[in-house]
Amino acid sequence: MQFNSFAQNSATRTLAELVNHQDSGWPLVQSWIKEARNPVQILPKDQTQADSVLQAVQVTTRSPMGAIIYETGGLLVDHGWLRILGSGSVLLNRNLAAWNHGRQDGFLLVADDVLGGFFAINGGAFGTETLGKVYYFAPDTLRWENTDMTYSEFLIFSFSGDLKKFYEGLRWATWEQDVKLLDGTQGFSCYPYLFTKEGKDMRKLSRRPVPLAELWTLNNQFRQELNIH
């Protein structure tokens, strides 16, 4: 599995070509995390898994994405509300390459939240004018929204941006405690659904943990049925 539309070359590169110890992007990412205003948890990596995922995604460790894949099992932001995919870990038992397998269609899923909101880098699915920009699939509208951020800008926003404002109206009183009950493969299924008129008051909704893959499939089915573009 390769993601050549996001790689620097069309030819498959070896691990030695992808790992750059002299000019790694990891110190830059670390500096962003050090200055973070939101809690950021760096998950431990498994080296064999990190090697494998980096080769699959075909990005170098000079880039923030490559650095996160190679140096971490992923990142949990704001008490685990937001998950930034890396090479996989116990608390985030998904990796960037495997998670995109079978789901990639002109974009690369790089992060998600506990409500089934997904962040993806545009590789052509959302038009050529915004190539490389991060889009957000909003579970309360079932639409892909252009954040107008690059991957690096998205990381900085995740670490230090106003997530409370970004998720305004989508959090509830006990969300921090409830998120702790999830593992990295799960999200909350809300009912009534968030995109319905009845689903706009989080205080009145029921929530249950479900596989995040289930939320992805279900919300995409709703998009098709409701003809939302």
Protein backbone atom coordinates (compact mmCIF):
# COMPACT_ATOMS: atom_id res chain seq x y z
CA MET A 1 0.00 0.00 0.00
CA GLN A 2 1.47 3.33 -1.05
CA PHE A 3 0.21 6.88 -0.95
CA ASN A 4 2.19 8.17 -3.90
CA SER A 5 -0.07 11.17 -4.46
CA PHE A 6 1.28 12.49 -1.17
CA ALA A 7 4.87 11.36 -1.64
CA GLN A 8 7.60 13.47 -3.11
CA ASN A 9 8.41 10.93 -5.84
CA SER A 10 6.34 8.39 -7.70
CA ALA A 11 8.98 5.68 -7.20
CA THR A 12 8.89 3.70 -3.97
CA ARG A 13 11.66 4.82 -1.65
CA THR A 14 13.50 2.66 0.84
CA LEU A 15 13.40 3.21 4.58
CA ALA A 16 16.95 4.59 4.45
CA GLU A 17 15.81 7.18 1.94
CA LEU A 18 12.83 8.20 4.08
CA VAL A 19 14.61 8.52 7.44
CA ASN A 20 16.64 11.70 7.74
CA HIS A 21 18.53 11.84 11.03
CA GLN A 22 20.40 15.05 10.16
CA ASP A 23 17.34 17.12 9.29
CA SER A 24 14.41 15.54 11.11
CA GLY A 25 11.11 17.33 11.47
CA TRP A 26 10.64 15.90 14.96
CA PRO A 27 12.41 18.72 16.87
CA LEU A 28 10.08 21.20 15.18
CA VAL A 29 7.00 19.19 16.18
CA GLN A 30 8.40 18.86 19.70
CA SER A 31 8.76 22.63 19.92
CA TRP A 32 5.11 23.06 18.94
CA ILE A 33 4.10 20.54 21.59
CA LYS A 34 6.25 22.25 24.21
CA GLU A 35 4.46 25.54 23.51
CA ALA A 36 1.03 23.90 23.34
CA ARG A 37 -1.92 25.47 25.11
CA ASN A 38 -3.95 22.26 24.87
CA PRO A 39 -2.88 19.01 26.56
CA VAL A 40 -0.89 16.83 24.15
CA GLN A 41 0.05 13.23 24.95
CA ILE A 42 2.84 11.65 22.89
CA LEU A 43 2.16 7.93 22.55
CA PRO A 44 5.06 5.47 22.50
CA LYS A 45 5.99 3.81 19.23
CA ASP A 46 6.93 0.32 18.20
CA GLN A 47 10.01 0.68 15.98
CA THR A 48 9.12 -2.14 13.60
CA GLN A 49 5.64 -0.72 13.16
CA ALA A 50 7.01 2.80 12.69
CA ASP A 51 9.34 1.58 9.95
CA SER A 52 6.52 -0.24 8.20
CA VAL A 53 4.04 2.65 8.31
CA LEU A 54 6.61 5.19 7.15
CA GLN A 55 7.41 3.03 4.13
CA ALA A 56 3.73 2.58 3.36
CA VAL A 57 2.95 6.29 3.48
CA GLN A 58 6.18 7.24 1.67
CA VAL A 59 6.82 10.58 3.39
CA THR A 60 10.21 11.52 4.78
CA THR A 61 10.96 12.23 8.42
CA ARG A 62 11.97 15.75 7.40
CA SER A 63 8.23 16.46 7.25
CA PRO A 64 6.08 16.83 10.38
CA MET A 65 3.88 13.95 9.19
CA GLY A 66 6.82 11.65 8.65
CA ALA A 67 8.29 12.66 11.98
CA ILE A 68 5.05 11.89 13.82
CA ILE A 69 4.79 8.50 12.09
CA TYR A 70 8.40 7.58 12.81
CA GLU A 71 8.74 9.01 16.32
CA THR A 72 5.31 8.38 17.85
CA GLY A 73 2.46 5.94 18.03
CA GLY A 74 0.24 8.98 17.55
CA LEU A 75 -0.81 12.01 19.55
CA LEU A 76 -3.82 12.48 21.84
CA VAL A 77 -4.90 16.11 22.12
CA ASP A 78 -7.21 17.79 24.62
CA HIS A 79 -7.69 14.79 26.92
CA GLY A 80 -8.05 12.43 23.96
CA TRP A 81 -10.85 14.30 22.22
CA LEU A 82 -8.67 14.69 19.15
CA ARG A 83 -6.45 11.89 17.78
CA ILE A 84 -3.58 12.55 15.40
CA LEU A 85 -2.52 9.37 13.67
CA GLY A 86 1.03 8.06 13.76
CA SER A 87 2.35 4.51 13.63
CA GLY A 88 -0.06 3.10 16.23
CA SER A 89 0.11 2.45 19.97
CA VAL A 90 -1.83 0.73 22.72
CA LEU A 91 -4.00 3.80 23.41
CA LEU A 92 -4.40 4.56 19.71
CA ASN A 93 -4.49 1.15 18.09
CA ARG A 94 -4.69 2.48 14.53
CA ASN A 95 -1.97 3.74 12.25
CA LEU A 96 -2.11 6.25 9.42
CA ALA A 97 -1.44 3.75 6.65
CA ALA A 98 -3.85 1.00 7.70
CA TRP A 99 -6.60 3.46 8.61
CA ASN A 100 -6.55 4.89 5.08
CA HIS A 101 -6.58 1.48 3.41
CA GLY A 102 -9.90 1.11 1.62
CA ARG A 103 -10.98 4.63 2.62
CA GLN A 104 -8.55 6.76 0.65
CA ASP A 105 -10.10 8.37 -2.39
CA GLY A 106 -8.15 11.48 -3.29
CA PHE A 107 -7.46 12.41 0.29
CA LEU A 108 -5.45 11.18 3.26
CA LEU A 109 -7.10 10.82 6.67
CA VAL A 110 -4.67 12.16 9.27
CA ALA A 111 -6.73 12.78 12.43
CA ASP A 112 -10.19 12.44 13.93
CA ASP A 113 -12.25 13.27 16.98
CA VAL A 114 -14.49 11.30 19.31
CA LEU A 115 -17.69 12.42 17.56
CA GLY A 116 -16.71 10.97 14.20
CA GLY A 117 -15.26 14.14 12.78
CA PHE A 118 -12.40 13.40 10.37
CA PHE A 119 -9.48 15.52 9.18
CA ALA A 120 -8.05 14.76 5.74
CA ILE A 121 -5.42 16.25 3.46
CA ASN A 122 -6.78 17.03 0.01
CA GLY A 123 -5.05 15.03 -2.69
CA GLY A 124 -7.52 16.00 -5.40
CA ALA A 125 -10.89 14.82 -4.09
CA PHE A 126 -11.86 18.37 -3.10
CA GLY A 127 -10.47 20.06 -6.20
CA THR A 128 -7.00 21.01 -7.37
CA GLU A 129 -7.03 24.59 -6.08
CA THR A 130 -6.79 23.43 -2.48
CA LEU A 131 -4.32 20.56 -2.88
CA GLY A 132 -2.50 19.91 0.39
CA LYS A 133 -5.10 21.71 2.52
CA VAL A 134 -6.76 19.96 5.45
CA TYR A 135 -10.50 19.37 5.23
CA TYR A 136 -12.78 18.50 8.14
CA PHE A 137 -15.72 16.14 7.85
CA ALA A 138 -18.23 17.66 10.28
CA PRO A 139 -20.58 15.07 11.83
CA ASP A 140 -23.19 17.75 12.54
CA THR A 141 -23.51 18.75 8.86
CA LEU A 142 -22.13 15.68 7.02
CA ARG A 143 -20.07 18.06 4.88
CA TRP A 144 -16.36 18.31 4.16
CA GLU A 145 -15.23 21.79 5.18
CA ASN A 146 -11.99 23.44 4.06
CA THR A 147 -10.03 24.52 7.14
CA ASP A 148 -7.63 26.44 4.85
CA MET A 149 -4.75 24.96 6.86
CA THR A 150 -1.77 22.90 5.75
CA TYR A 151 -0.88 19.82 7.79
CA SER A 152 1.69 21.79 9.78
CA GLU A 153 -0.80 24.58 10.43
CA PHE A 154 -3.36 21.99 11.49
CA LEU A 155 -0.91 20.56 14.03
CA ILE A 156 -0.21 23.99 15.48
CA PHE A 157 -3.95 24.71 15.66
CA SER A 158 -4.60 21.37 17.37
CA PHE A 159 -1.90 22.03 19.94
CA SER A 160 -2.60 25.70 20.67
CA GLY A 161 -5.79 26.75 18.91
CA ASP A 162 -9.20 27.40 20.43
CA LEU A 163 -10.67 23.90 20.29
CA LYS A 164 -13.47 24.97 22.62
CA LYS A 165 -14.65 27.43 19.98
CA PHE A 166 -14.09 24.97 17.11
CA TYR A 167 -16.30 22.42 18.86
CA GLU A 168 -18.78 24.93 20.22
CA GLY A 169 -22.14 23.28 20.79
CA LEU A 170 -20.70 19.78 20.42
CA ARG A 171 -19.43 19.17 23.94
CA TRP A 172 -21.29 18.30 27.10
CA ALA A 173 -20.63 18.74 30.81
CA THR A 174 -18.90 15.39 31.43
CA TRP A 175 -17.08 15.02 28.11
CA GLU A 176 -13.59 14.82 29.64
CA GLN A 177 -14.55 11.92 31.89
CA ASP A 178 -16.55 10.19 29.16
CA VAL A 179 -13.70 10.37 26.62
CA LYS A 180 -11.50 8.42 29.05
CA LEU A 181 -13.84 5.45 28.61
CA LEU A 182 -13.01 5.18 24.90
CA ASP A 183 -10.06 3.48 23.29
CA GLY A 184 -8.40 4.85 20.19
CA THR A 185 -10.56 2.79 17.84
CA GLN A 186 -13.85 4.15 19.20
CA GLY A 187 -16.02 7.23 19.00
CA PHE A 188 -19.41 8.28 20.34
CA SER A 189 -22.55 7.51 18.40
CA CYS A 190 -25.10 10.17 19.33
CA TYR A 191 -28.85 9.87 19.04
CA PRO A 192 -30.71 11.73 17.72
CA TYR A 193 -28.00 12.09 15.09
CA LEU A 194 -25.92 15.26 15.24
CA PHE A 195 -26.90 16.36 11.72
CA THR A 196 -30.64 16.32 12.50
CA LYS A 197 -32.72 19.17 13.89
CA GLU A 198 -33.33 17.10 17.03
CA GLY A 199 -29.61 16.47 17.48
CA LYS A 200 -28.50 20.04 18.19
CA ASP A 201 -28.70 19.95 21.98
CA MET A 202 -25.91 17.76 23.37
CA ARG A 203 -27.57 17.71 26.79
CA LYS A 204 -30.53 15.78 25.39
CA LEU A 205 -28.67 13.20 23.33
CA SER A 206 -27.82 9.64 24.22
CA ARG A 207 -24.21 8.61 23.58
CA ARG A 208 -22.68 5.19 23.28
CA PRO A 209 -19.19 4.02 22.31
CA VAL A 210 -18.97 2.41 18.87
CA PRO A 211 -16.09 1.58 16.52
CA LEU A 212 -14.92 4.71 14.74
CA ALA A 213 -15.01 2.72 11.50
CA GLU A 214 -18.75 2.29 12.07
CA LEU A 215 -19.21 6.06 12.37
CA TRP A 216 -17.23 6.59 9.18
CA THR A 217 -19.36 4.12 7.23
CA LEU A 218 -22.68 5.26 8.68
CA ASN A 219 -22.11 8.97 8.13
CA ASN A 220 -20.94 8.41 4.57
CA GLN A 221 -24.07 6.37 3.91
CA PHE A 222 -26.18 9.23 5.27
CA ARG A 223 -24.30 11.68 3.00
CA GLN A 224 -25.17 9.60 -0.04
CA GLU A 225 -28.79 9.06 0.95
CA LEU A 226 -29.32 12.76 1.65
CA ASN A 227 -27.34 13.78 -1.44
CA ILE A 228 -25.02 16.05 0.52
CA HIS A 229 -21.96 17.36 -1.33
